[in-house]
All heavy atoms as atom14 arrays in JSON, in Angstrom:
{
  "sequence": "VVKGGIRERFAELRRMGIRTVMITGDNPLTAAAIAAE",
  "atom14_mask": [
    [1, 1, 1, 1, 1, 1, 1, 0, 0, 0, 0, 0, 0, 0],
    [1, 1, 1, 1, 1, 1, 1, 0, 0, 0, 0, 0, 0, 0],
    [1, 1, 1, 1, 1, 1, 1, 1, 1, 0, 0, 0, 0, 0],
    [1, 1, 1, 1, 0, 0, 0, 0, 0, 0, 0, 0, 0, 0],
    [1, 1, 1, 1, 0, 0, 0, 0, 0, 0, 0, 0, 0, 0],
    [1, 1, 1, 1, 1, 1, 1, 1, 0, 0, 0, 0, 0, 0],
    [1, 1, 1, 1, 1, 1, 1, 1, 1, 1, 1, 0, 0, 0],
    [1, 1, 1, 1, 1, 1, 1, 1, 1, 0, 0, 0, 0, 0],
    [1, 1, 1, 1, 1, 1, 1, 1, 1, 1, 1, 0, 0, 0],
    [1, 1, 1, 1, 1, 1, 1, 1, 1, 1, 1, 0, 0, 0],
    [1, 1, 1, 1, 1, 0, 0, 0, 0, 0, 0, 0, 0, 0],
    [1, 1, 1, 1, 1, 1, 1, 1, 1, 0, 0, 0, 0, 0],
    [1, 1, 1, 1, 1, 1, 1, 1, 0, 0, 0, 0, 0, 0],
    [1, 1, 1, 1, 1, 1, 1, 1, 1, 1, 1, 0, 0, 0],
    [1, 1, 1, 1, 1, 1, 1, 1, 1, 1, 1, 0, 0, 0],
    [1, 1, 1, 1, 1, 1, 1, 1, 0, 0, 0, 0, 0, 0],
    [1, 1, 1, 1, 0, 0, 0, 0, 0, 0, 0, 0, 0, 0],
    [1, 1, 1, 1, 1, 1, 1, 1, 0, 0, 0, 0, 0, 0],
    [1, 1, 1, 1, 1, 1, 1, 1, 1, 1, 1, 0, 0, 0],
    [1, 1, 1, 1, 1, 1, 1, 0, 0, 0, 0, 0, 0, 0],
    [1, 1, 1, 1, 1, 1, 1, 0, 0, 0, 0, 0, 0, 0],
    [1, 1, 1, 1, 1, 1, 1, 1, 0, 0, 0, 0, 0, 0],
    [1, 1, 1, 1, 1, 1, 1, 1, 0, 0, 0, 0, 0, 0],
    [1, 1, 1, 1, 1, 1, 1, 0, 0, 0, 0, 0, 0, 0],
    [1, 1, 1, 1, 0, 0, 0, 0, 0, 0, 0, 0, 0, 0],
    [1, 1, 1, 1, 1, 1, 1, 1, 0, 0, 0, 0, 0, 0],
    [1, 1, 1, 1, 1, 1, 1, 1, 0, 0, 0, 0, 0, 0],
    [1, 1, 1, 1, 1, 1, 1, 0, 0, 0, 0, 0, 0, 0],
    [1, 1, 1, 1, 1, 1, 1, 1, 0, 0, 0, 0, 0, 0],
    [1, 1, 1, 1, 1, 1, 1, 0, 0, 0, 0, 0, 0, 0],
    [1, 1, 1, 1, 1, 0, 0, 0, 0, 0, 0, 0, 0, 0],
    [1, 1, 1, 1, 1, 0, 0, 0, 0, 0, 0, 0, 0, 0],
    [1, 1, 1, 1, 1, 0, 0, 0, 0, 0, 0, 0, 0, 0],
    [1, 1, 1, 1, 1, 1, 1, 1, 0, 0, 0, 0, 0, 0],
    [1, 1, 1, 1, 1, 0, 0, 0, 0, 0, 0, 0, 0, 0],
    [1, 1, 1, 1, 1, 0, 0, 0, 0, 0, 0, 0, 0, 0],
    [1, 1, 1, 1, 1, 1, 1, 1, 1, 0, 0, 0, 0, 0]
  ],
  "atom14_positions": [
    [[-48.1, -24.41, 49.54], [-49.3, -23.6, 49.35], [-50.56, -24.46, 49.52], [-50.71, -25.5, 48.85], [-49.3, -22.94, 47.97], [-50.53, -22.08, 47.77], [-48.03, -22.12, 47.78], [0.0, 0.0, 0.0], [0.0, 0.0, 0.0], [0.0, 0.0, 0.0], [0.0, 0.0, 0.0], [0.0, 0.0, 0.0], [0.0, 0.0, 0.0], [0.0, 0.0, 0.0]],
    [[-51.44, -24.03, 50.41], [-52.71, -24.72, 50.61], [-53.62, -24.47, 49.41], [-53.7, -23.35, 48.9], [-53.39, -24.23, 51.91], [-54.8, -24.81, 52.04], [-52.55, -24.61, 53.12], [0.0, 0.0, 0.0], [0.0, 0.0, 0.0], [0.0, 0.0, 0.0], [0.0, 0.0, 0.0], [0.0, 0.0, 0.0], [0.0, 0.0, 0.0], [0.0, 0.0, 0.0]],
    [[-54.28, -25.5, 48.95], [-55.14, -25.4, 47.77], [-56.31, -24.46, 48.03], [-56.91, -24.48, 49.12], [-55.66, -26.78, 47.36], [-54.57, -27.7, 46.85], [-55.14, -29.05, 46.43], [-54.05, -29.94, 45.86], [-54.57, -31.27, 45.48], [0.0, 0.0, 0.0], [0.0, 0.0, 0.0], [0.0, 0.0, 0.0], [0.0, 0.0, 0.0], [0.0, 0.0, 0.0]],
    [[-56.66, -23.7, 47.04], [-57.79, -22.79, 47.15], [-59.1, -23.55, 47.32], [-59.35, -24.55, 46.67], [0.0, 0.0, 0.0], [0.0, 0.0, 0.0], [0.0, 0.0, 0.0], [0.0, 0.0, 0.0], [0.0, 0.0, 0.0], [0.0, 0.0, 0.0], [0.0, 0.0, 0.0], [0.0, 0.0, 0.0], [0.0, 0.0, 0.0], [0.0, 0.0, 0.0]],
    [[-59.95, -23.09, 48.23], [-61.26, -23.7, 48.46], [-61.25, -24.92, 49.34], [-62.31, -25.47, 49.67], [0.0, 0.0, 0.0], [0.0, 0.0, 0.0], [0.0, 0.0, 0.0], [0.0, 0.0, 0.0], [0.0, 0.0, 0.0], [0.0, 0.0, 0.0], [0.0, 0.0, 0.0], [0.0, 0.0, 0.0], [0.0, 0.0, 0.0], [0.0, 0.0, 0.0]],
    [[-60.04, -25.36, 49.78], [-59.97, -26.58, 50.58], [-60.61, -26.38, 51.95], [-61.22, -27.29, 52.51], [-58.51, -27.07, 50.72], [-58.46, -28.54, 51.13], [-57.73, -26.22, 51.7], [-58.76, -29.5, 50.04], [0.0, 0.0, 0.0], [0.0, 0.0, 0.0], [0.0, 0.0, 0.0], [0.0, 0.0, 0.0], [0.0, 0.0, 0.0], [0.0, 0.0, 0.0]],
    [[-60.5, -25.16, 52.5], [-61.08, -24.89, 53.81], [-62.6, -25.06, 53.76], [-63.21, -25.63, 54.68], [-60.71, -23.48, 54.26], [-61.09, -23.18, 55.7], [-60.68, -21.77, 56.11], [-60.92, -21.56, 57.53], [-60.05, -21.84, 58.48], [-58.86, -22.32, 58.17], [-60.35, -21.64, 59.75], [0.0, 0.0, 0.0], [0.0, 0.0, 0.0], [0.0, 0.0, 0.0]],
    [[-63.21, -24.58, 52.67], [-64.67, -24.72, 52.52], [-65.08, -26.18, 52.38], [-66.13, -26.6, 52.87], [-65.14, -23.93, 51.3], [-65.08, -22.41, 51.44], [-63.66, -21.85, 51.39], [-62.77, -22.57, 50.85], [-63.44, -20.73, 51.88], [0.0, 0.0, 0.0], [0.0, 0.0, 0.0], [0.0, 0.0, 0.0], [0.0, 0.0, 0.0], [0.0, 0.0, 0.0]],
    [[-64.23, -26.97, 51.73], [-64.54, -28.4, 51.56], [-64.5, -29.13, 52.9], [-65.32, -29.99, 53.17], [-63.57, -29.04, 50.56], [-63.57, -28.36, 49.2], [-62.92, -29.2, 48.15], [-63.86, -30.2, 47.65], [-63.54, -31.14, 46.78], [-62.31, -31.24, 46.33], [-64.44, -32.0, 46.37], [0.0, 0.0, 0.0], [0.0, 0.0, 0.0], [0.0, 0.0, 0.0]],
    [[-63.54, -28.76, 53.73], [-63.48, -29.38, 55.05], [-64.65, -28.93, 55.92], [-65.14, -29.69, 56.76], [-62.14, -29.07, 55.73], [-60.98, -29.81, 55.14], [-59.78, -29.18, 54.9], [-61.09, -31.15, 54.82], [-58.71, -29.87, 54.34], [-60.03, -31.86, 54.27], [-58.84, -31.21, 54.03], [0.0, 0.0, 0.0], [0.0, 0.0, 0.0], [0.0, 0.0, 0.0]],
    [[-65.08, -27.71, 55.74], [-66.27, -27.24, 56.47], [-67.49, -28.04, 56.06], [-68.36, -28.37, 56.89], [-66.49, -25.75, 56.19], [0.0, 0.0, 0.0], [0.0, 0.0, 0.0], [0.0, 0.0, 0.0], [0.0, 0.0, 0.0], [0.0, 0.0, 0.0], [0.0, 0.0, 0.0], [0.0, 0.0, 0.0], [0.0, 0.0, 0.0], [0.0, 0.0, 0.0]],
    [[-67.56, -28.39, 54.76], [-68.67, -29.21, 54.28], [-68.63, -30.6, 54.91], [-69.65, -31.16, 55.32], [-68.6, -29.33, 52.76], [-69.73, -30.13, 52.15], [-69.62, -30.23, 50.63], [-68.76, -29.53, 50.05], [-70.38, -31.01, 50.05], [0.0, 0.0, 0.0], [0.0, 0.0, 0.0], [0.0, 0.0, 0.0], [0.0, 0.0, 0.0], [0.0, 0.0, 0.0]],
    [[-67.43, -31.18, 55.02], [-67.29, -32.48, 55.67], [-67.69, -32.4, 57.14], [-68.3, -33.33, 57.67], [-65.85, -32.97, 55.55], [-65.42, -33.48, 54.17], [-63.91, -33.66, 54.1], [-66.12, -34.8, 53.85], [0.0, 0.0, 0.0], [0.0, 0.0, 0.0], [0.0, 0.0, 0.0], [0.0, 0.0, 0.0], [0.0, 0.0, 0.0], [0.0, 0.0, 0.0]],
    [[-67.37, -31.29, 57.77], [-67.74, -31.12, 59.18], [-69.25, -31.1, 59.32], [-69.81, -31.65, 60.27], [-67.11, -29.83, 59.72], [-67.08, -29.73, 61.23], [-66.25, -28.54, 61.69], [-64.84, -28.69, 61.32], [-64.24, -27.96, 60.39], [-64.89, -26.99, 59.74], [-62.97, -28.16, 60.11], [0.0, 0.0, 0.0], [0.0, 0.0, 0.0], [0.0, 0.0, 0.0]],
    [[-69.93, -30.47, 58.35], [-71.4, -30.46, 58.38], [-71.97, -31.86, 58.17], [-73.06, -32.16, 58.63], [-71.95, -29.5, 57.31], [-71.73, -28.03, 57.62], [-72.56, -27.13, 56.71], [-72.16, -27.25, 55.31], [-71.2, -26.51, 54.76], [-70.54, -25.62, 55.49], [-70.9, -26.66, 53.48], [0.0, 0.0, 0.0], [0.0, 0.0, 0.0], [0.0, 0.0, 0.0]],
    [[-71.22, -32.7, 57.47], [-71.63, -34.1, 57.29], [-71.43, -34.91, 58.57], [-71.87, -36.05, 58.65], [-70.79, -34.77, 56.19], [-71.0, -34.24, 54.79], [-69.94, -35.21, 53.65], [-70.14, -34.27, 52.13], [0.0, 0.0, 0.0], [0.0, 0.0, 0.0], [0.0, 0.0, 0.0], [0.0, 0.0, 0.0], [0.0, 0.0, 0.0], [0.0, 0.0, 0.0]],
    [[-70.71, -34.33, 59.54], [-70.42, -35.06, 60.77], [-69.14, -35.87, 60.67], [-68.94, -36.81, 61.44], [0.0, 0.0, 0.0], [0.0, 0.0, 0.0], [0.0, 0.0, 0.0], [0.0, 0.0, 0.0], [0.0, 0.0, 0.0], [0.0, 0.0, 0.0], [0.0, 0.0, 0.0], [0.0, 0.0, 0.0], [0.0, 0.0, 0.0], [0.0, 0.0, 0.0]],
    [[-68.25, -35.5, 59.73], [-67.01, -36.25, 59.51], [-65.83, -35.46, 60.07], [-65.66, -34.28, 59.79], [-66.79, -36.53, 58.01], [-67.92, -37.41, 57.48], [-65.44, -37.19, 57.77], [-67.9, -37.59, 55.98], [0.0, 0.0, 0.0], [0.0, 0.0, 0.0], [0.0, 0.0, 0.0], [0.0, 0.0, 0.0], [0.0, 0.0, 0.0], [0.0, 0.0, 0.0]],
    [[-65.02, -36.13, 60.87], [-63.82, -35.52, 61.45], [-62.66, -35.73, 60.49], [-62.42, -36.83, 60.02], [-63.52, -36.18, 62.8], [-62.23, -35.72, 63.47], [-62.14, -36.31, 64.87], [-60.84, -36.08, 65.47], [-59.87, -36.99, 65.53], [-60.06, -38.19, 65.0], [-58.72, -36.71, 66.1], [0.0, 0.0, 0.0], [0.0, 0.0, 0.0], [0.0, 0.0, 0.0]],
    [[-61.94, -34.64, 60.2], [-60.83, -34.71, 59.25], [-59.5, -34.63, 59.99], [-59.33, -33.83, 60.9], [-60.91, -33.56, 58.22], [-61.01, -32.31, 58.9], [-62.11, -33.74, 57.31], [0.0, 0.0, 0.0], [0.0, 0.0, 0.0], [0.0, 0.0, 0.0], [0.0, 0.0, 0.0], [0.0, 0.0, 0.0], [0.0, 0.0, 0.0], [0.0, 0.0, 0.0]],
    [[-58.58, -35.49, 59.58], [-57.25, -35.54, 60.2], [-56.21, -35.46, 59.1], [-56.21, -36.28, 58.17], [-57.05, -36.84, 61.01], [-55.66, -36.84, 61.65], [-58.13, -36.98, 62.07], [0.0, 0.0, 0.0], [0.0, 0.0, 0.0], [0.0, 0.0, 0.0], [0.0, 0.0, 0.0], [0.0, 0.0, 0.0], [0.0, 0.0, 0.0], [0.0, 0.0, 0.0]],
    [[-55.33, -34.47, 59.17], [-54.24, -34.32, 58.2], [-53.04, -35.13, 58.67], [-52.64, -35.06, 59.83], [-53.85, -32.84, 58.08], [-52.75, -32.56, 57.09], [-52.21, -30.83, 57.13], [-51.19, -30.84, 58.61], [0.0, 0.0, 0.0], [0.0, 0.0, 0.0], [0.0, 0.0, 0.0], [0.0, 0.0, 0.0], [0.0, 0.0, 0.0], [0.0, 0.0, 0.0]],
    [[-52.47, -35.92, 57.75], [-51.29, -36.73, 58.07], [-50.1, -36.17, 57.31], [-50.18, -35.93, 56.1], [-51.52, -38.2, 57.67], [-52.72, -38.77, 58.43], [-50.28, -39.03, 57.95], [-53.06, -40.18, 58.04], [0.0, 0.0, 0.0], [0.0, 0.0, 0.0], [0.0, 0.0, 0.0], [0.0, 0.0, 0.0], [0.0, 0.0, 0.0], [0.0, 0.0, 0.0]],
    [[-49.01, -35.93, 58.0], [-47.84, -35.35, 57.36], [-46.56, -35.8, 58.05], [-46.58, -36.16, 59.24], [-47.92, -33.8, 57.39], [-46.74, -33.26, 56.82], [-48.07, -33.27, 58.8], [0.0, 0.0, 0.0], [0.0, 0.0, 0.0], [0.0, 0.0, 0.0], [0.0, 0.0, 0.0], [0.0, 0.0, 0.0], [0.0, 0.0, 0.0], [0.0, 0.0, 0.0]],
    [[-45.49, -35.79, 57.3], [-44.18, -36.08, 57.88], [-43.51, -34.84, 58.42], [-42.4, -34.91, 58.95], [0.0, 0.0, 0.0], [0.0, 0.0, 0.0], [0.0, 0.0, 0.0], [0.0, 0.0, 0.0], [0.0, 0.0, 0.0], [0.0, 0.0, 0.0], [0.0, 0.0, 0.0], [0.0, 0.0, 0.0], [0.0, 0.0, 0.0], [0.0, 0.0, 0.0]],
    [[-44.16, -33.68, 58.27], [-43.58, -32.42, 58.75], [-43.49, -32.4, 60.27], [-44.16, -33.17, 60.98], [-44.43, -31.23, 58.3], [-44.29, -30.98, 56.8], [-43.3, -31.44, 56.22], [-45.19, -30.34, 56.22], [0.0, 0.0, 0.0], [0.0, 0.0, 0.0], [0.0, 0.0, 0.0], [0.0, 0.0, 0.0], [0.0, 0.0, 0.0], [0.0, 0.0, 0.0]],
    [[-42.69, -31.46, 60.77], [-42.61, -31.28, 62.22], [-43.91, -30.7, 62.74], [-44.71, -30.12, 61.99], [-41.41, -30.39, 62.57], [-41.58, -28.98, 62.02], [-42.42, -28.22, 62.48], [-40.79, -28.63, 61.01], [0.0, 0.0, 0.0], [0.0, 0.0, 0.0], [0.0, 0.0, 0.0], [0.0, 0.0, 0.0], [0.0, 0.0, 0.0], [0.0, 0.0, 0.0]],
    [[-44.17, -30.83, 64.05], [-45.46, -30.39, 64.61], [-45.78, -28.92, 64.38], [-46.94, -28.56, 64.16], [-45.31, -30.69, 66.11], [-44.33, -31.82, 66.16], [-43.36, -31.55, 65.05], [0.0, 0.0, 0.0], [0.0, 0.0, 0.0], [0.0, 0.0, 0.0], [0.0, 0.0, 0.0], [0.0, 0.0, 0.0], [0.0, 0.0, 0.0], [0.0, 0.0, 0.0]],
    [[-44.76, -28.04, 64.4], [-45.03, -26.61, 64.2], [-45.55, -26.35, 62.79], [-46.55, -25.65, 62.59], [-43.75, -25.8, 64.44], [-43.34, -25.59, 65.89], [-42.0, -24.87, 65.96], [-44.41, -24.8, 66.65], [0.0, 0.0, 0.0], [0.0, 0.0, 0.0], [0.0, 0.0, 0.0], [0.0, 0.0, 0.0], [0.0, 0.0, 0.0], [0.0, 0.0, 0.0]],
    [[-44.87, -26.92, 61.8], [-45.31, -26.75, 60.41], [-46.68, -27.37, 60.21], [-47.56, -26.78, 59.57], [-44.29, -27.39, 59.45], [-43.02, -26.78, 59.64], [-44.72, -27.23, 58.01], [0.0, 0.0, 0.0], [0.0, 0.0, 0.0], [0.0, 0.0, 0.0], [0.0, 0.0, 0.0], [0.0, 0.0, 0.0], [0.0, 0.0, 0.0], [0.0, 0.0, 0.0]],
    [[-46.86, -28.57, 60.76], [-48.14, -29.27, 60.62], [-49.28, -28.46, 61.23], [-50.37, -28.36, 60.65], [-48.07, -30.65, 61.27], [0.0, 0.0, 0.0], [0.0, 0.0, 0.0], [0.0, 0.0, 0.0], [0.0, 0.0, 0.0], [0.0, 0.0, 0.0], [0.0, 0.0, 0.0], [0.0, 0.0, 0.0], [0.0, 0.0, 0.0], [0.0, 0.0, 0.0]],
    [[-49.05, -27.86, 62.4], [-50.09, -27.07, 63.07], [-50.48, -25.87, 62.24], [-51.67, -25.52, 62.13], [-49.61, -26.64, 64.45], [0.0, 0.0, 0.0], [0.0, 0.0, 0.0], [0.0, 0.0, 0.0], [0.0, 0.0, 0.0], [0.0, 0.0, 0.0], [0.0, 0.0, 0.0], [0.0, 0.0, 0.0], [0.0, 0.0, 0.0], [0.0, 0.0, 0.0]],
    [[-49.48, -25.2, 61.62], [-49.77, -24.01, 60.81], [-50.59, -24.37, 59.58], [-51.57, -23.7, 59.25], [-48.46, -23.34, 60.4], [0.0, 0.0, 0.0], [0.0, 0.0, 0.0], [0.0, 0.0, 0.0], [0.0, 0.0, 0.0], [0.0, 0.0, 0.0], [0.0, 0.0, 0.0], [0.0, 0.0, 0.0], [0.0, 0.0, 0.0], [0.0, 0.0, 0.0]],
    [[-50.21, -25.45, 58.89], [-50.95, -25.88, 57.7], [-52.36, -26.33, 58.08], [-53.34, -26.02, 57.4], [-50.2, -27.01, 56.97], [-48.87, -26.51, 56.43], [-51.05, -27.59, 55.85], [-48.98, -25.53, 55.3], [0.0, 0.0, 0.0], [0.0, 0.0, 0.0], [0.0, 0.0, 0.0], [0.0, 0.0, 0.0], [0.0, 0.0, 0.0], [0.0, 0.0, 0.0]],
    [[-52.47, -27.06, 59.19], [-53.77, -27.55, 59.64], [-54.72, -26.39, 59.95], [-55.9, -26.43, 59.61], [-53.61, -28.44, 60.87], [0.0, 0.0, 0.0], [0.0, 0.0, 0.0], [0.0, 0.0, 0.0], [0.0, 0.0, 0.0], [0.0, 0.0, 0.0], [0.0, 0.0, 0.0], [0.0, 0.0, 0.0], [0.0, 0.0, 0.0], [0.0, 0.0, 0.0]],
    [[-54.18, -25.35, 60.59], [-55.0, -24.19, 60.92], [-55.45, -23.47, 59.66], [-56.6, -23.03, 59.55], [-54.23, -23.25, 61.83], [0.0, 0.0, 0.0], [0.0, 0.0, 0.0], [0.0, 0.0, 0.0], [0.0, 0.0, 0.0], [0.0, 0.0, 0.0], [0.0, 0.0, 0.0], [0.0, 0.0, 0.0], [0.0, 0.0, 0.0], [0.0, 0.0, 0.0]],
    [[-54.54, -23.33, 58.7], [-54.88, -22.63, 57.46], [-55.9, -23.42, 56.63], [-56.8, -22.85, 56.03], [-53.62, -22.4, 56.62], [-53.86, -21.56, 55.37], [-52.59, -21.3, 54.58], [-51.49, -21.64, 55.09], [-52.69, -20.77, 53.46], [0.0, 0.0, 0.0], [0.0, 0.0, 0.0], [0.0, 0.0, 0.0], [0.0, 0.0, 0.0], [0.0, 0.0, 0.0]]
  ]
}
């Protein structure tokens, strides 16, 4: 389960000019779905 409000926090980082990269041991399909959410 993705944490509540995390999408807004990443949007705030984007406004700061910071690129966010999620690191995971999951397979690419699972990683892509979580990253999008």
